[in-house]
Amino acid sequence: SSEAFTLFEVYFRYILVFVSVIITMMFWVQNRFYHTWNQWALEQKWTFILLVSVVMFNNPIFFLNIYAEHWIFPLLNTVFVNTFLTVYMLCILLFTDNLYKSHRRLSNTEFYLPKLVLLGSLWLVGIVSFVLTRAKQKDDIA
């Protein structure tokens, strides 16, 4: 039934949230034990940020999306998913660009700005398309 699947989905998401939080905390504690945040490598910092976005991707407030009839919760779910996908693509760009350009030093602006502009615009398009779709569905009688 639909109610059984909904309950399964809620439980499954919260198991994933729990596992993601545990892995994120283990990663943070293990790295903090050896180095401070300023001493972490670029890959370590962005892996931690990616792990935090995985927790948000699994949506710790998912039950409100189902049980509360309000427009903000589906919007938050979309923001979490878009943010995870954007951070994931940013990590791929940063890691490969860091490998490719490791022989020369770029300023933070030269290194991050083009990637942030590209992926920020993709994030914004995802959010705007969700809002426009929801607005159209709200006006549609069918």
C-alpha atoms as a PDB file:
ATOM      1  CA  SER A   1       0.000   0.000   0.000  1.00  0.00           C
ATOM      2  CA  SER A   2       0.977   3.613  -0.328  1.00  0.00           C
ATOM      3  CA  GLU A   3       1.134   4.147   3.423  1.00  0.00           C
ATOM      4  CA  ALA A   4       3.487   1.176   3.863  1.00  0.00           C
ATOM      5  CA  PHE A   5       5.788   2.494   1.149  1.00  0.00           C
ATOM      6  CA  THR A   6       5.789   5.956   2.717  1.00  0.00           C
ATOM      7  CA  LEU A   7       6.742   4.470   6.065  1.00  0.00           C
ATOM      8  CA  PHE A   8       9.482   2.408   4.392  1.00  0.00           C
ATOM      9  CA  GLU A   9      10.795   5.532   2.658  1.00  0.00           C
ATOM     10  CA  VAL A  10      10.894   7.504   5.916  1.00  0.00           C
ATOM     11  CA  TYR A  11      12.716   4.712   7.761  1.00  0.00           C
ATOM     12  CA  PHE A  12      15.148   4.191   4.890  1.00  0.00           C
ATOM     13  CA  ARG A  13      15.973   7.898   4.697  1.00  0.00           C
ATOM     14  CA  TYR A  14      16.567   8.152   8.425  1.00  0.00           C
ATOM     15  CA  ILE A  15      18.831   5.107   8.375  1.00  0.00           C
ATOM     16  CA  LEU A  16      20.814   6.833   5.613  1.00  0.00           C
ATOM     17  CA  VAL A  17      20.883  10.082   7.603  1.00  0.00           C
ATOM     18  CA  PHE A  18      22.167   8.213  10.650  1.00  0.00           C
ATOM     19  CA  VAL A  19      24.888   6.416   8.668  1.00  0.00           C
ATOM     20  CA  SER A  20      25.874   9.644   6.892  1.00  0.00           C
ATOM     21  CA  VAL A  21      26.155  11.537  10.179  1.00  0.00           C
ATOM     22  CA  ILE A  22      28.300   8.782  11.710  1.00  0.00           C
ATOM     23  CA  ILE A  23      30.650   8.699   8.710  1.00  0.00           C
ATOM     24  CA  THR A  24      30.878  12.495   8.618  1.00  0.00           C
ATOM     25  CA  MET A  25      31.672  12.675  12.313  1.00  0.00           C
ATOM     26  CA  MET A  26      34.271   9.909  12.036  1.00  0.00           C
ATOM     27  CA  PHE A  27      35.937  11.711   9.137  1.00  0.00           C
ATOM     28  CA  TRP A  28      35.969  15.004  11.030  1.00  0.00           C
ATOM     29  CA  VAL A  29      37.256  13.511  14.282  1.00  0.00           C
ATOM     30  CA  GLN A  30      39.949  11.489  12.530  1.00  0.00           C
ATOM     31  CA  ASN A  31      41.217  14.521  10.605  1.00  0.00           C
ATOM     32  CA  ARG A  32      40.965  16.900  13.568  1.00  0.00           C
ATOM     33  CA  PHE A  33      43.038  14.464  15.617  1.00  0.00           C
ATOM     34  CA  TYR A  34      46.028  14.933  13.308  1.00  0.00           C
ATOM     35  CA  HIS A  35      45.616  18.453  11.918  1.00  0.00           C
ATOM     36  CA  THR A  36      43.684  21.674  12.379  1.00  0.00           C
ATOM     37  CA  TRP A  37      41.284  22.815   9.655  1.00  0.00           C
ATOM     38  CA  ASN A  38      43.899  25.193   8.197  1.00  0.00           C
ATOM     39  CA  GLN A  39      46.325  22.309   7.737  1.00  0.00           C
ATOM     40  CA  TRP A  40      43.877  20.074   5.894  1.00  0.00           C
ATOM     41  CA  ALA A  41      44.521  19.525   2.199  1.00  0.00           C
ATOM     42  CA  LEU A  42      42.065  20.881  -0.354  1.00  0.00           C
ATOM     43  CA  GLU A  43      40.697  17.388  -0.956  1.00  0.00           C
ATOM     44  CA  GLN A  44      40.129  16.789   2.762  1.00  0.00           C
ATOM     45  CA  LYS A  45      38.242  20.053   3.217  1.00  0.00           C
ATOM     46  CA  TRP A  46      35.990  19.484   0.241  1.00  0.00           C
ATOM     47  CA  THR A  47      35.411  15.835   1.119  1.00  0.00           C
ATOM     48  CA  PHE A  48      34.160  16.966   4.519  1.00  0.00           C
ATOM     49  CA  ILE A  49      31.889  19.555   2.866  1.00  0.00           C
ATOM     50  CA  LEU A  50      30.664  16.834   0.491  1.00  0.00           C
ATOM     51  CA  LEU A  51      29.905  14.534   3.436  1.00  0.00           C
ATOM     52  CA  VAL A  52      27.896  17.288   5.123  1.00  0.00           C
ATOM     53  CA  SER A  53      25.969  17.806   1.895  1.00  0.00           C
ATOM     54  CA  VAL A  54      25.270  14.040   1.771  1.00  0.00           C
ATOM     55  CA  VAL A  55      23.628  14.354   5.186  1.00  0.00           C
ATOM     56  CA  MET A  56      21.515  17.217   3.851  1.00  0.00           C
ATOM     57  CA  PHE A  57      20.774  15.254   0.647  1.00  0.00           C
ATOM     58  CA  ASN A  58      19.239  12.524   2.795  1.00  0.00           C
ATOM     59  CA  ASN A  59      17.049  15.288   4.273  1.00  0.00           C
ATOM     60  CA  PRO A  60      16.868  15.038   8.061  1.00  0.00           C
ATOM     61  CA  ILE A  61      13.471  16.805   8.018  1.00  0.00           C
ATOM     62  CA  PHE A  62      11.964  14.500   5.377  1.00  0.00           C
ATOM     63  CA  PHE A  63       8.979  13.489   7.515  1.00  0.00           C
ATOM     64  CA  LEU A  64       7.784  17.117   7.404  1.00  0.00           C
ATOM     65  CA  ASN A  65       7.777  16.893   3.622  1.00  0.00           C
ATOM     66  CA  ILE A  66       5.213  14.099   3.896  1.00  0.00           C
ATOM     67  CA  TYR A  67       3.155  14.959   6.957  1.00  0.00           C
ATOM     68  CA  ALA A  68       3.075  18.776   6.861  1.00  0.00           C
ATOM     69  CA  GLU A  69       1.156  20.338   4.002  1.00  0.00           C
ATOM     70  CA  HIS A  70       3.335  23.364   3.428  1.00  0.00           C
ATOM     71  CA  TRP A  71       5.243  24.589   0.380  1.00  0.00           C
ATOM     72  CA  ILE A  72       8.524  25.194   2.257  1.00  0.00           C
ATOM     73  CA  PHE A  73       9.353  21.526   2.871  1.00  0.00           C
ATOM     74  CA  PRO A  74       9.390  20.398  -0.780  1.00  0.00           C
ATOM     75  CA  LEU A  75      11.407  23.539  -1.517  1.00  0.00           C
ATOM     76  CA  LEU A  76      13.919  22.626   1.203  1.00  0.00           C
ATOM     77  CA  ASN A  77      14.156  19.108  -0.203  1.00  0.00           C
ATOM     78  CA  THR A  78      14.913  20.561  -3.633  1.00  0.00           C
ATOM     79  CA  VAL A  79      17.493  22.936  -2.158  1.00  0.00           C
ATOM     80  CA  PHE A  80      19.185  20.032  -0.355  1.00  0.00           C
ATOM     81  CA  VAL A  81      19.282  17.853  -3.487  1.00  0.00           C
ATOM     82  CA  ASN A  82      20.500  20.697  -5.714  1.00  0.00           C
ATOM     83  CA  THR A  83      23.122  21.676  -3.162  1.00  0.00           C
ATOM     84  CA  PHE A  84      24.430  18.119  -2.942  1.00  0.00           C
ATOM     85  CA  LEU A  85      24.631  17.781  -6.717  1.00  0.00           C
ATOM     86  CA  THR A  86      26.346  21.155  -7.007  1.00  0.00           C
ATOM     87  CA  VAL A  87      28.877  20.345  -4.273  1.00  0.00           C
ATOM     88  CA  TYR A  88      29.509  16.952  -5.888  1.00  0.00           C
ATOM     89  CA  MET A  89      30.182  18.542  -9.285  1.00  0.00           C
ATOM     90  CA  LEU A  90      32.323  21.216  -7.603  1.00  0.00           C
ATOM     91  CA  CYS A  91      34.394  18.533  -5.868  1.00  0.00           C
ATOM     92  CA  ILE A  92      34.980  16.762  -9.161  1.00  0.00           C
ATOM     93  CA  LEU A  93      36.037  20.037 -10.795  1.00  0.00           C
ATOM     94  CA  LEU A  94      38.260  21.026  -7.866  1.00  0.00           C
ATOM     95  CA  PHE A  95      39.963  17.660  -7.535  1.00  0.00           C
ATOM     96  CA  THR A  96      40.694  17.298 -11.235  1.00  0.00           C
ATOM     97  CA  ASP A  97      41.753  20.922 -11.614  1.00  0.00           C
ATOM     98  CA  ASN A  98      43.993  20.634  -8.569  1.00  0.00           C
ATOM     99  CA  LEU A  99      45.672  17.581 -10.114  1.00  0.00           C
ATOM    100  CA  TYR A 100      45.990  19.248 -13.487  1.00  0.00           C
ATOM    101  CA  LYS A 101      47.331  22.582 -12.224  1.00  0.00           C
ATOM    102  CA  SER A 102      49.286  21.356  -9.209  1.00  0.00           C
ATOM    103  CA  HIS A 103      52.555  22.657 -10.634  1.00  0.00           C
ATOM    104  CA  ARG A 104      51.496  26.318 -10.464  1.00  0.00           C
ATOM    105  CA  ARG A 105      49.825  28.268  -7.701  1.00  0.00           C
ATOM    106  CA  LEU A 106      46.630  30.157  -8.432  1.00  0.00           C
ATOM    107  CA  SER A 107      45.020  32.664  -6.141  1.00  0.00           C
ATOM    108  CA  ASN A 108      41.787  31.590  -4.498  1.00  0.00           C
ATOM    109  CA  THR A 109      39.852  33.900  -6.808  1.00  0.00           C
ATOM    110  CA  GLU A 110      41.394  32.437  -9.965  1.00  0.00           C
ATOM    111  CA  PHE A 111      40.932  28.895  -8.707  1.00  0.00           C
ATOM    112  CA  TYR A 112      37.398  29.028  -7.273  1.00  0.00           C
ATOM    113  CA  LEU A 113      35.563  31.848  -9.059  1.00  0.00           C
ATOM    114  CA  PRO A 114      34.996  30.242 -12.498  1.00  0.00           C
ATOM    115  CA  LYS A 115      33.802  27.013 -10.928  1.00  0.00           C
ATOM    116  CA  LEU A 116      31.522  28.769  -8.448  1.00  0.00           C
ATOM    117  CA  VAL A 117      29.974  30.956 -11.151  1.00  0.00           C
ATOM    118  CA  LEU A 118      29.286  27.949 -13.394  1.00  0.00           C
ATOM    119  CA  LEU A 119      27.869  25.718 -10.696  1.00  0.00           C
ATOM    120  CA  GLY A 120      26.085  28.533  -8.860  1.00  0.00           C
ATOM    121  CA  SER A 121      24.180  29.326 -12.024  1.00  0.00           C
ATOM    122  CA  LEU A 122      23.253  25.644 -12.433  1.00  0.00           C
ATOM    123  CA  TRP A 123      22.083  25.545  -8.798  1.00  0.00           C
ATOM    124  CA  LEU A 124      19.989  28.661  -9.338  1.00  0.00           C
ATOM    125  CA  VAL A 125      18.418  27.250 -12.515  1.00  0.00           C
ATOM    126  CA  GLY A 126      17.434  24.113 -10.587  1.00  0.00           C
ATOM    127  CA  ILE A 127      15.785  26.096  -7.803  1.00  0.00           C
ATOM    128  CA  VAL A 128      14.002  28.506 -10.148  1.00  0.00           C
ATOM    129  CA  SER A 129      12.702  25.653 -12.317  1.00  0.00           C
ATOM    130  CA  PHE A 130      11.309  23.937  -9.210  1.00  0.00           C
ATOM    131  CA  VAL A 131       9.577  27.120  -8.045  1.00  0.00           C
ATOM    132  CA  LEU A 132       8.102  27.760 -11.494  1.00  0.00           C
ATOM    133  CA  THR A 133       6.918  24.150 -11.783  1.00  0.00           C
ATOM    134  CA  ARG A 134       5.247  24.298  -8.371  1.00  0.00           C
ATOM    135  CA  ALA A 135       3.592  27.621  -9.248  1.00  0.00           C
ATOM    136  CA  LYS A 136       2.253  26.144 -12.475  1.00  0.00           C
ATOM    137  CA  GLN A 137       0.986  23.022 -10.660  1.00  0.00           C
ATOM    138  CA  LYS A 138      -0.761  25.186  -8.086  1.00  0.00           C
ATOM    139  CA  ASP A 139      -2.693  27.047 -10.803  1.00  0.00           C
ATOM    140  CA  ASP A 140      -3.471  23.833 -12.722  1.00  0.00           C
ATOM    141  CA  ILE A 141      -6.811  22.305 -11.784  1.00  0.00           C
ATOM    142  CA  ALA A 142      -5.923  18.812 -13.022  1.00  0.00           C
END
